[in-house]
Amino acid sequence: MRSLSEAVSAHTGNGGSAGDTDRLPIDLEEHDQSDPLDLSSEDQSFLDELAADEGLLNVTYTREGKPRVSTSSYIGVAALPSGRRLNVTPKQTVSRLLTLLQYALDVSSTTVDKETSFSGAETFIDAFGALFTAKLRQLLTRDIRRDYTRIESIETAVRGRLDVQRQLQRPTPVPTDFAVEYDTLTANTTANQAILAATQILTRLVEGDTLAAVLSRQATQLRQTVEPNHVTSAEIEAIETTRLNAYYADLLELSRLVLQRRFFEDLTAGAVASFGLFINMNTVYEAVVERAVRAGAAQINLDWTVEGQGSLGDLIDGPHAVGMQPDAVVLDEEGCVIAVADAKWKTGGDSSGDVYQLTSYMLAEGVPGLLVYPQQDETERESVIQGEHVLRSVYLPTAADVSSATEYIEKMEGEAATQLRSIISDS
């Protein structure tokens, strides 16, 4: 499963003084456009900076100089210097944003099975915060991991190993204290400090008061054993996950997404910092389809495997050859390709580009294929390539009206299994 870190884009700007923080947020969906907005010059400048970050959004101006914001496939939140927020939510093709993000991020099923009061979170930041607090609750229940850390200090008695070089640099001719190095068992590890930093940040960012209160309590609980410290995303990436700390993996990935690029660096008390956190729904949906196809294939045959972004053979020999990597490649027990699937996070039906792309994948291996779209009011369409291989447009039930996360996931995986079984048997 691929990491979603490349899908997340973070942006920060200079903080401004708190102002009209009670102004209504700017609420948009993907591929949407706002009415002309009345914004301060500082807010306009920050939106222009976001627009310069390729793909996030676009800003145009009316003849009167008022900005209009157009969104893309990125969802997320931006806090403007004035305190006003821009929320970009998914299309009406998702009924459970928290579950979809959780499924795409490939966190363990225990969080899915345990419903929380935040399961209906609709904004990206609250859905992300709910996912984070659920994983942190699991960690706090299990207990904070402690590791041995090397300490360099000045002590009144020798402890551990005497640091001769530092000792000789002591200013007094007959020192009464000693420069030493020793190992101590502590909760002040990079992993724990990163999680604490991310918790404190999210406490200030989420919109729901109840969710913010839960995160605040969890931060307080962490501070009982962990000292706050600045941690970079590079330091988190350097943490090795072993059998002993594997239960940290999901929470560390979420923390890294929060801390990456140091985009919350200017959050200071008494000021409203401008920031933006967005995630590309194209990448999210590709991860969802990959997981659903993998689970669906396992329902048909436990010996089948699925490769995400799997490489196929070339249709063209020579300098015009291009790599072909569908979002999901299904292989049988002998390792032979038996089907391909490509995720398309879009509404409105097939485009010629979608069909040409999948057709090339199918012809490269001589197998059937699926174009997998999110749920919408469209009917399945089926064609046959070279009189033999089925090409079908299908719709994953991402907007299913269900009562639990488990049921939501079961519906998506069940639909993937049904479609795979059908195209393979029909080809």
Protein backbone atom coordinates (compact mmCIF):
# COMPACT_ATOMS: atom_id res chain seq x y z
CA MET A 1 0.00 0.00 0.00
CA ARG A 2 1.32 3.37 -0.97
CA SER A 3 1.77 6.16 1.54
CA LEU A 4 -0.44 9.18 1.04
CA SER A 5 2.24 11.62 2.07
CA GLU A 6 2.74 12.73 -1.52
CA ALA A 7 -0.96 13.58 -1.69
CA VAL A 8 -0.81 16.01 1.20
CA SER A 9 0.19 19.58 0.52
CA ALA A 10 0.91 21.99 3.36
CA HIS A 11 1.31 25.72 3.18
CA THR A 12 1.99 28.38 5.77
CA GLY A 13 1.96 32.14 5.80
CA ASN A 14 2.72 34.91 8.25
CA GLY A 15 0.35 35.16 11.18
CA GLY A 16 -1.96 38.14 11.47
CA SER A 17 -3.70 39.56 14.48
CA ALA A 18 -6.99 37.97 15.48
CA GLY A 19 -9.86 39.76 13.83
CA ASP A 20 -13.20 38.70 12.41
CA THR A 21 -12.87 35.10 13.49
CA ASP A 22 -16.65 34.81 13.77
CA ARG A 23 -17.14 35.42 10.05
CA LEU A 24 -18.77 32.63 8.11
CA PRO A 25 -16.38 30.13 6.53
CA ILE A 26 -16.04 29.82 2.78
CA ASP A 27 -17.47 26.36 2.08
CA LEU A 28 -16.77 24.79 -1.31
CA GLU A 29 -16.74 21.32 -2.82
CA GLU A 30 -14.17 19.88 -5.21
CA HIS A 31 -14.21 21.49 -8.66
CA ASP A 32 -16.37 24.30 -7.33
CA GLN A 33 -16.21 28.10 -7.52
CA SER A 34 -17.05 30.74 -4.96
CA ASP A 35 -18.99 33.93 -5.45
CA PRO A 36 -16.90 37.12 -5.46
CA LEU A 37 -15.48 37.50 -1.95
CA ASP A 38 -14.93 40.50 0.30
CA LEU A 39 -11.46 39.84 1.70
CA SER A 40 -8.65 41.87 3.19
CA SER A 41 -5.47 42.38 1.19
CA GLU A 42 -3.69 39.97 3.59
CA ASP A 43 -6.29 37.27 2.93
CA GLN A 44 -6.06 37.83 -0.81
CA SER A 45 -2.27 37.55 -0.71
CA PHE A 46 -2.43 34.28 1.17
CA LEU A 47 -4.95 32.82 -1.30
CA ASP A 48 -2.64 33.87 -4.13
CA GLU A 49 0.19 31.99 -2.39
CA LEU A 50 -1.99 28.89 -2.13
CA ALA A 51 -2.89 29.20 -5.80
CA ALA A 52 0.82 29.29 -6.65
CA ASP A 53 1.13 25.83 -5.06
CA GLU A 54 0.29 23.92 -8.24
CA GLY A 55 -3.06 22.17 -8.30
CA LEU A 56 -4.48 23.23 -4.93
CA LEU A 57 -6.85 25.95 -6.10
CA ASN A 58 -7.14 28.88 -8.46
CA VAL A 59 -7.90 32.54 -7.75
CA THR A 60 -9.34 34.93 -10.30
CA TYR A 61 -10.49 38.52 -9.87
CA THR A 62 -13.59 40.34 -11.03
CA ARG A 63 -13.46 43.76 -12.68
CA GLU A 64 -14.10 45.21 -9.24
CA GLY A 65 -11.01 43.43 -7.90
CA LYS A 66 -12.87 40.86 -5.81
CA PRO A 67 -11.36 37.37 -5.69
CA ARG A 68 -13.18 34.19 -6.70
CA VAL A 69 -11.77 30.85 -5.55
CA SER A 70 -11.97 27.78 -7.80
CA THR A 71 -11.13 24.37 -6.34
CA SER A 72 -9.61 21.25 -7.87
CA SER A 73 -9.46 17.63 -6.70
CA TYR A 74 -7.82 18.67 -3.42
CA ILE A 75 -9.92 18.78 -0.26
CA GLY A 76 -8.81 20.37 2.98
CA VAL A 77 -8.79 23.53 5.02
CA ALA A 78 -7.11 26.92 4.85
CA ALA A 79 -7.14 29.49 7.64
CA LEU A 80 -6.71 33.00 6.32
CA PRO A 81 -4.81 35.71 8.24
CA SER A 82 -8.12 37.28 9.30
CA GLY A 83 -9.19 34.02 10.93
CA ARG A 84 -11.75 33.18 8.27
CA ARG A 85 -11.61 29.59 6.98
CA LEU A 86 -11.82 28.04 3.57
CA ASN A 87 -13.21 24.49 3.72
CA VAL A 88 -13.08 22.26 0.65
CA THR A 89 -15.09 19.05 1.02
CA PRO A 90 -15.51 16.05 -1.30
CA LYS A 91 -18.24 15.81 -3.90
CA GLN A 92 -21.52 14.22 -2.90
CA THR A 93 -19.96 10.86 -3.75
CA VAL A 94 -18.78 10.15 -0.20
CA SER A 95 -21.07 9.39 2.73
CA ARG A 96 -18.38 8.60 5.32
CA LEU A 97 -15.31 10.79 4.83
CA LEU A 98 -13.61 9.58 8.03
CA THR A 99 -13.94 5.93 7.02
CA LEU A 100 -12.77 6.60 3.48
CA LEU A 101 -9.65 8.42 4.69
CA GLN A 102 -8.99 5.69 7.23
CA TYR A 103 -9.33 3.00 4.59
CA ALA A 104 -7.07 4.87 2.17
CA LEU A 105 -4.42 5.45 4.85
CA ASP A 106 -4.55 1.71 5.58
CA VAL A 107 -4.77 2.04 9.35
CA SER A 108 -5.65 -1.06 11.32
CA SER A 109 -9.21 -2.36 11.32
CA THR A 110 -9.62 -1.99 15.08
CA THR A 111 -10.30 1.71 14.66
CA VAL A 112 -12.87 0.97 11.97
CA ASP A 113 -14.70 -1.52 14.16
CA LYS A 114 -14.92 0.84 17.13
CA GLU A 115 -17.41 3.58 16.28
CA THR A 116 -16.74 7.01 17.72
CA SER A 117 -18.97 10.02 18.16
CA PHE A 118 -16.98 11.71 15.40
CA SER A 119 -17.80 9.18 12.67
CA GLY A 120 -20.02 11.71 10.92
CA ALA A 121 -17.27 14.33 10.59
CA GLU A 122 -17.77 16.14 7.29
CA THR A 123 -14.83 18.55 7.07
CA PHE A 124 -11.42 17.23 6.23
CA ILE A 125 -9.73 18.61 9.33
CA ASP A 126 -12.34 17.10 11.69
CA ALA A 127 -12.25 13.75 9.89
CA PHE A 128 -8.46 13.75 10.11
CA GLY A 129 -8.61 14.81 13.76
CA ALA A 130 -11.11 12.06 14.57
CA LEU A 131 -8.88 9.47 12.95
CA PHE A 132 -5.89 10.80 14.87
CA THR A 133 -7.64 10.80 18.26
CA ALA A 134 -8.90 7.24 17.75
CA LYS A 135 -5.37 5.99 17.06
CA LEU A 136 -3.97 7.99 19.98
CA ARG A 137 -6.60 6.51 22.29
CA GLN A 138 -5.33 3.05 21.37
CA LEU A 139 -1.76 4.09 22.15
CA LEU A 140 -2.63 5.64 25.52
CA THR A 141 -4.61 2.55 26.47
CA ARG A 142 -1.63 0.35 25.67
CA ASP A 143 0.84 2.73 27.40
CA ILE A 144 3.60 5.00 26.17
CA ARG A 145 6.72 3.21 24.98
CA ARG A 146 9.99 4.14 26.66
CA ASP A 147 13.44 3.71 25.12
CA TYR A 148 17.01 4.18 26.23
CA THR A 149 18.35 7.59 25.23
CA ARG A 150 21.94 8.85 25.44
CA ILE A 151 22.25 11.80 27.86
CA GLU A 152 25.17 14.25 28.07
CA SER A 153 25.19 16.25 31.30
CA ILE A 154 27.24 17.71 34.15
CA GLU A 155 26.89 15.70 37.36
CA THR A 156 28.33 16.00 40.89
CA ALA A 157 29.38 12.36 40.72
CA VAL A 158 30.57 10.17 37.88
CA ARG A 159 27.64 8.43 36.21
CA GLY A 160 27.97 6.21 33.20
CA ARG A 161 31.04 7.17 31.17
CA LEU A 162 33.28 10.16 31.87
CA ASP A 163 33.56 12.38 28.79
CA VAL A 164 37.29 13.11 28.99
CA GLN A 165 37.35 15.76 26.26
CA ARG A 166 34.51 17.75 27.80
CA GLN A 167 35.96 17.26 31.29
CA LEU A 168 39.30 18.76 30.26
CA GLN A 169 37.46 21.80 28.96
CA ARG A 170 35.88 22.50 32.35
CA PRO A 171 36.87 26.04 33.52
CA THR A 172 38.01 25.23 37.09
CA PRO A 173 41.45 23.65 37.73
CA VAL A 174 39.97 21.15 40.21
CA PRO A 175 36.41 20.57 39.02
CA THR A 176 33.84 19.46 41.57
CA ASP A 177 31.48 18.16 38.94
CA PHE A 178 31.91 15.88 35.98
CA ALA A 179 31.00 15.81 32.28
CA VAL A 180 29.42 12.41 31.74
CA GLU A 181 27.44 10.37 29.23
CA TYR A 182 24.92 7.76 30.25
CA ASP A 183 21.86 5.94 28.92
CA THR A 184 18.52 6.40 30.62
CA LEU A 185 15.10 4.88 30.05
CA THR A 186 12.76 7.72 29.10
CA ALA A 187 9.48 8.51 27.36
CA ASN A 188 11.11 11.58 25.78
CA THR A 189 11.73 9.82 22.49
CA THR A 190 11.43 11.37 19.05
CA ALA A 191 8.33 9.28 18.38
CA ASN A 192 6.50 10.38 21.52
CA GLN A 193 7.48 14.03 21.13
CA ALA A 194 6.30 14.01 17.51
CA ILE A 195 2.94 12.59 18.53
CA LEU A 196 2.60 15.20 21.29
CA ALA A 197 3.46 18.02 18.89
CA ALA A 198 0.92 16.80 16.34
CA THR A 199 -1.74 16.44 19.06
CA GLN A 200 -1.21 20.01 20.26
CA ILE A 201 -1.45 21.32 16.71
CA LEU A 202 -4.64 19.45 15.87
CA THR A 203 -6.24 20.60 19.14
CA ARG A 204 -6.14 24.15 17.80
CA LEU A 205 -7.19 23.31 14.27
CA VAL A 206 -10.25 21.07 14.53
CA GLU A 207 -13.61 22.80 14.38
CA GLY A 208 -15.71 20.54 16.61
CA ASP A 209 -15.59 21.62 20.29
CA THR A 210 -16.01 18.05 21.57
CA LEU A 211 -13.22 16.77 19.34
CA ALA A 212 -10.94 19.63 20.42
CA ALA A 213 -11.65 18.82 24.08
CA VAL A 214 -10.75 15.15 23.58
CA LEU A 215 -7.49 16.07 21.84
CA SER A 216 -6.67 18.55 24.61
CA ARG A 217 -7.16 15.87 27.27
CA GLN A 218 -4.97 13.48 25.32
CA ALA A 219 -2.24 16.12 25.01
CA THR A 220 -2.40 16.67 28.78
CA GLN A 221 -2.09 12.94 29.36
CA LEU A 222 0.94 12.78 27.06
CA ARG A 223 2.64 15.72 28.81
CA GLN A 224 2.60 13.79 32.08
CA THR A 225 5.46 11.66 30.73
CA VAL A 226 6.64 13.41 27.54
CA GLU A 227 8.34 16.81 27.40
CA PRO A 228 7.30 19.04 24.46
CA ASN A 229 9.97 19.45 21.80
CA HIS A 230 10.09 20.53 18.16
CA VAL A 231 10.29 17.52 15.82
CA THR A 232 10.74 17.67 12.06
CA SER A 233 9.15 15.31 9.55
CA ALA A 234 12.67 14.14 8.62
CA GLU A 235 13.25 13.02 12.21
CA ILE A 236 9.99 11.08 12.14
CA GLU A 237 10.97 9.38 8.88
CA ALA A 238 14.22 8.28 10.53
CA ILE A 239 12.30 6.32 13.19
CA GLU A 240 12.57 2.61 12.57
CA THR A 241 9.44 0.53 13.13
CA THR A 242 10.26 -2.84 14.65
CA ARG A 243 8.24 -5.70 16.07
CA LEU A 244 8.39 -3.99 19.46
CA ASN A 245 6.99 -0.62 18.35
CA ALA A 246 4.89 -1.66 15.34
CA TYR A 247 1.75 -0.42 17.10
CA TYR A 248 3.13 3.12 16.72
CA ALA A 249 3.23 2.96 12.90
CA ASP A 250 -0.22 4.34 12.07
CA LEU A 251 -0.03 7.21 14.54
CA LEU A 252 3.48 8.16 13.43
CA GLU A 253 2.31 8.34 9.82
CA LEU A 254 -0.55 10.65 10.80
CA SER A 255 1.80 12.76 12.93
CA ARG A 256 4.26 13.07 10.07
CA LEU A 257 1.49 14.34 7.79
CA VAL A 258 0.69 17.02 10.37
CA LEU A 259 4.30 18.04 10.95
CA GLN A 260 5.63 17.83 7.40
CA ARG A 261 7.14 20.98 5.91
CA ARG A 262 6.79 22.66 9.33
CA PHE A 263 3.63 24.32 8.08
CA PHE A 264 2.27 25.04 11.56
CA GLU A 265 5.45 26.68 12.75
CA ASP A 266 3.87 30.10 13.22
CA LEU A 267 0.92 29.04 15.37
CA THR A 268 1.36 31.30 18.37
CA ALA A 269 -0.93 32.26 21.21
CA GLY A 270 -2.81 35.50 20.64
CA ALA A 271 -2.40 35.48 16.88
CA VAL A 272 -4.28 33.89 14.02
CA ALA A 273 -1.76 32.04 11.87
CA SER A 274 -2.51 31.41 8.22
CA PHE A 275 -2.08 27.86 7.07
CA GLY A 276 -3.35 25.33 4.57
CA LEU A 277 -3.59 21.55 4.65
CA PHE A 278 -4.97 19.79 1.59
CA ILE A 279 -5.08 16.20 0.38
CA ASN A 280 -5.48 15.05 -3.21
CA MET A 281 -8.64 12.97 -3.54
CA ASN A 282 -7.30 11.39 -6.73
CA THR A 283 -4.54 9.78 -4.68
CA VAL A 284 -6.93 8.91 -1.85
CA TYR A 285 -9.28 7.17 -4.25
CA GLU A 286 -6.47 5.29 -5.99
CA ALA A 287 -5.48 3.87 -2.59
CA VAL A 288 -9.12 2.99 -1.83
CA VAL A 289 -9.56 1.14 -5.12
CA GLU A 290 -6.28 -0.72 -4.67
CA ARG A 291 -7.34 -1.95 -1.22
CA ALA A 292 -10.86 -2.83 -2.34
CA VAL A 293 -9.60 -4.81 -5.34
CA ARG A 294 -7.07 -6.61 -3.15
CA ALA A 295 -9.78 -7.58 -0.66
CA GLY A 296 -12.17 -8.53 -3.47
CA ALA A 297 -9.57 -10.76 -5.11
CA ALA A 298 -8.96 -12.51 -1.79
CA GLN A 299 -12.68 -13.25 -1.52
CA ILE A 300 -12.49 -15.07 -4.85
CA ASN A 301 -9.19 -16.89 -4.36
CA LEU A 302 -6.83 -16.56 -1.41
CA ASP A 303 -3.88 -17.39 -3.68
CA TRP A 304 -4.48 -14.38 -5.90
CA THR A 305 -2.43 -11.26 -5.27
CA VAL A 306 -2.83 -7.62 -6.22
CA GLU A 307 -0.06 -5.17 -7.04
CA GLY A 308 -0.71 -1.46 -6.63
CA GLN A 309 0.72 0.55 -9.53
CA GLY A 310 1.91 -2.75 -10.97
CA SER A 311 4.05 -2.68 -14.11
CA LEU A 312 2.80 -4.33 -17.30
CA GLY A 313 4.50 -5.44 -20.47
CA ASP A 314 5.10 -2.89 -23.22
CA LEU A 315 2.81 -2.61 -26.24
CA ILE A 316 5.47 -0.68 -28.14
CA ASP A 317 9.07 -1.66 -28.83
CA GLY A 318 11.49 1.21 -29.29
CA PRO A 319 11.89 4.81 -28.13
CA HIS A 320 8.11 5.45 -28.08
CA ALA A 321 7.53 2.80 -25.40
CA VAL A 322 5.99 4.17 -22.21
CA GLY A 323 5.59 2.56 -18.81
CA MET A 324 2.12 1.27 -18.00
CA GLN A 325 1.04 1.12 -14.36
CA PRO A 326 -2.67 0.64 -13.64
CA ASP A 327 -3.81 1.29 -10.09
CA ALA A 328 -4.43 -2.42 -9.44
CA VAL A 329 -3.05 -5.48 -11.22
CA VAL A 330 -4.58 -8.86 -10.27
CA LEU A 331 -2.33 -11.91 -10.53
CA ASP A 332 -3.27 -15.57 -10.17
CA GLU A 333 -1.50 -18.18 -8.06
CA GLU A 334 1.17 -18.60 -10.76
CA GLY A 335 1.90 -14.87 -10.93
CA CYS A 336 0.16 -14.31 -14.27
CA VAL A 337 -1.87 -11.13 -14.81
CA ILE A 338 -5.59 -11.95 -15.01
CA ALA A 339 -7.21 -8.50 -14.70
CA VAL A 340 -6.43 -4.80 -14.34
CA ALA A 341 -8.31 -1.92 -12.72
CA ASP A 342 -7.88 1.83 -12.89
CA ALA A 343 -9.34 4.33 -10.40
CA LYS A 344 -11.05 7.47 -11.72
CA TRP A 345 -12.12 10.01 -9.09
CA LYS A 346 -14.61 11.85 -11.27
CA THR A 347 -18.28 12.13 -12.13
CA GLY A 348 -20.07 12.46 -15.43
CA GLY A 349 -19.14 9.22 -17.16
CA ASP A 350 -16.22 7.90 -19.16
CA SER A 351 -13.89 10.11 -21.12
CA SER A 352 -12.08 8.93 -24.22
CA GLY A 353 -8.81 9.28 -22.32
CA ASP A 354 -10.04 6.94 -19.58
CA VAL A 355 -11.04 4.31 -22.13
CA TYR A 356 -7.85 4.58 -24.20
CA GLN A 357 -5.70 4.28 -21.08
CA LEU A 358 -7.42 1.16 -19.76
CA THR A 359 -7.55 -0.39 -23.24
CA SER A 360 -3.77 -0.10 -23.52
CA TYR A 361 -3.37 -1.83 -20.15
CA MET A 362 -5.69 -4.64 -21.24
CA LEU A 363 -4.02 -5.16 -24.61
CA ALA A 364 -0.57 -5.28 -23.01
CA GLU A 365 -1.54 -8.44 -21.11
CA GLY A 366 -4.62 -9.68 -22.98
CA VAL A 367 -6.86 -9.46 -19.90
CA PRO A 368 -10.19 -7.85 -18.87
CA GLY A 369 -10.30 -4.50 -17.09
CA LEU A 370 -12.34 -2.23 -14.85
CA LEU A 371 -12.70 1.55 -14.84
CA VAL A 372 -13.66 2.21 -11.21
CA TYR A 373 -15.55 5.44 -10.47
CA PRO A 374 -17.04 6.68 -7.19
CA GLN A 375 -20.77 6.20 -6.65
CA GLN A 376 -23.04 8.34 -8.84
CA ASP A 377 -26.29 8.19 -10.80
CA GLU A 378 -24.85 6.34 -13.75
CA THR A 379 -25.37 2.84 -15.11
CA GLU A 380 -22.60 0.34 -15.72
CA ARG A 381 -21.26 0.25 -19.26
CA GLU A 382 -19.51 -2.67 -20.89
CA SER A 383 -17.55 -3.14 -24.09
CA VAL A 384 -15.46 -5.96 -25.52
CA ILE A 385 -11.88 -5.51 -26.72
CA GLN A 386 -10.85 -7.57 -29.78
CA GLY A 387 -13.99 -9.66 -29.39
CA GLU A 388 -12.68 -11.28 -26.22
CA HIS A 389 -11.79 -9.12 -23.21
CA VAL A 390 -14.42 -7.28 -21.17
CA LEU A 391 -13.93 -3.57 -20.42
CA ARG A 392 -16.45 -2.38 -17.85
CA SER A 393 -17.15 0.94 -16.13
CA VAL A 394 -18.29 0.33 -12.55
CA TYR A 395 -19.09 2.41 -9.47
CA LEU A 396 -17.73 1.75 -6.00
CA PRO A 397 -20.42 2.42 -3.32
CA THR A 398 -18.58 5.34 -1.71
CA ALA A 399 -21.86 7.10 -0.89
CA ALA A 400 -23.53 4.04 0.64
CA ASP A 401 -26.21 4.77 3.25
CA VAL A 402 -24.96 2.49 6.02
CA SER A 403 -24.85 2.60 9.81
CA SER A 404 -21.24 1.57 10.45
CA ALA A 405 -17.74 1.85 9.08
CA THR A 406 -17.48 -1.93 8.86
CA GLU A 407 -20.58 -2.14 6.67
CA TYR A 408 -19.29 0.69 4.49
CA ILE A 409 -16.03 -1.14 3.83
CA GLU A 410 -17.75 -4.49 3.30
CA LYS A 411 -19.94 -2.94 0.61
CA MET A 412 -16.95 -1.56 -1.29
CA GLU A 413 -14.96 -4.78 -1.04
CA GLY A 414 -17.99 -6.89 -1.92
CA GLU A 415 -18.64 -4.82 -5.04
CA ALA A 416 -14.99 -5.18 -6.07
CA ALA A 417 -15.21 -8.97 -5.66
CA THR A 418 -18.46 -9.15 -7.66
CA GLN A 419 -17.06 -7.14 -10.56
CA LEU A 420 -13.75 -9.01 -10.66
CA ARG A 421 -15.45 -12.39 -10.64
CA SER A 422 -17.77 -11.28 -13.44
CA ILE A 423 -15.23 -9.83 -15.88
CA ILE A 424 -12.80 -12.73 -15.40
CA SER A 425 -15.49 -15.35 -16.01
CA ASP A 426 -16.89 -13.44 -19.02
CA SER A 427 -13.52 -13.09 -20.76
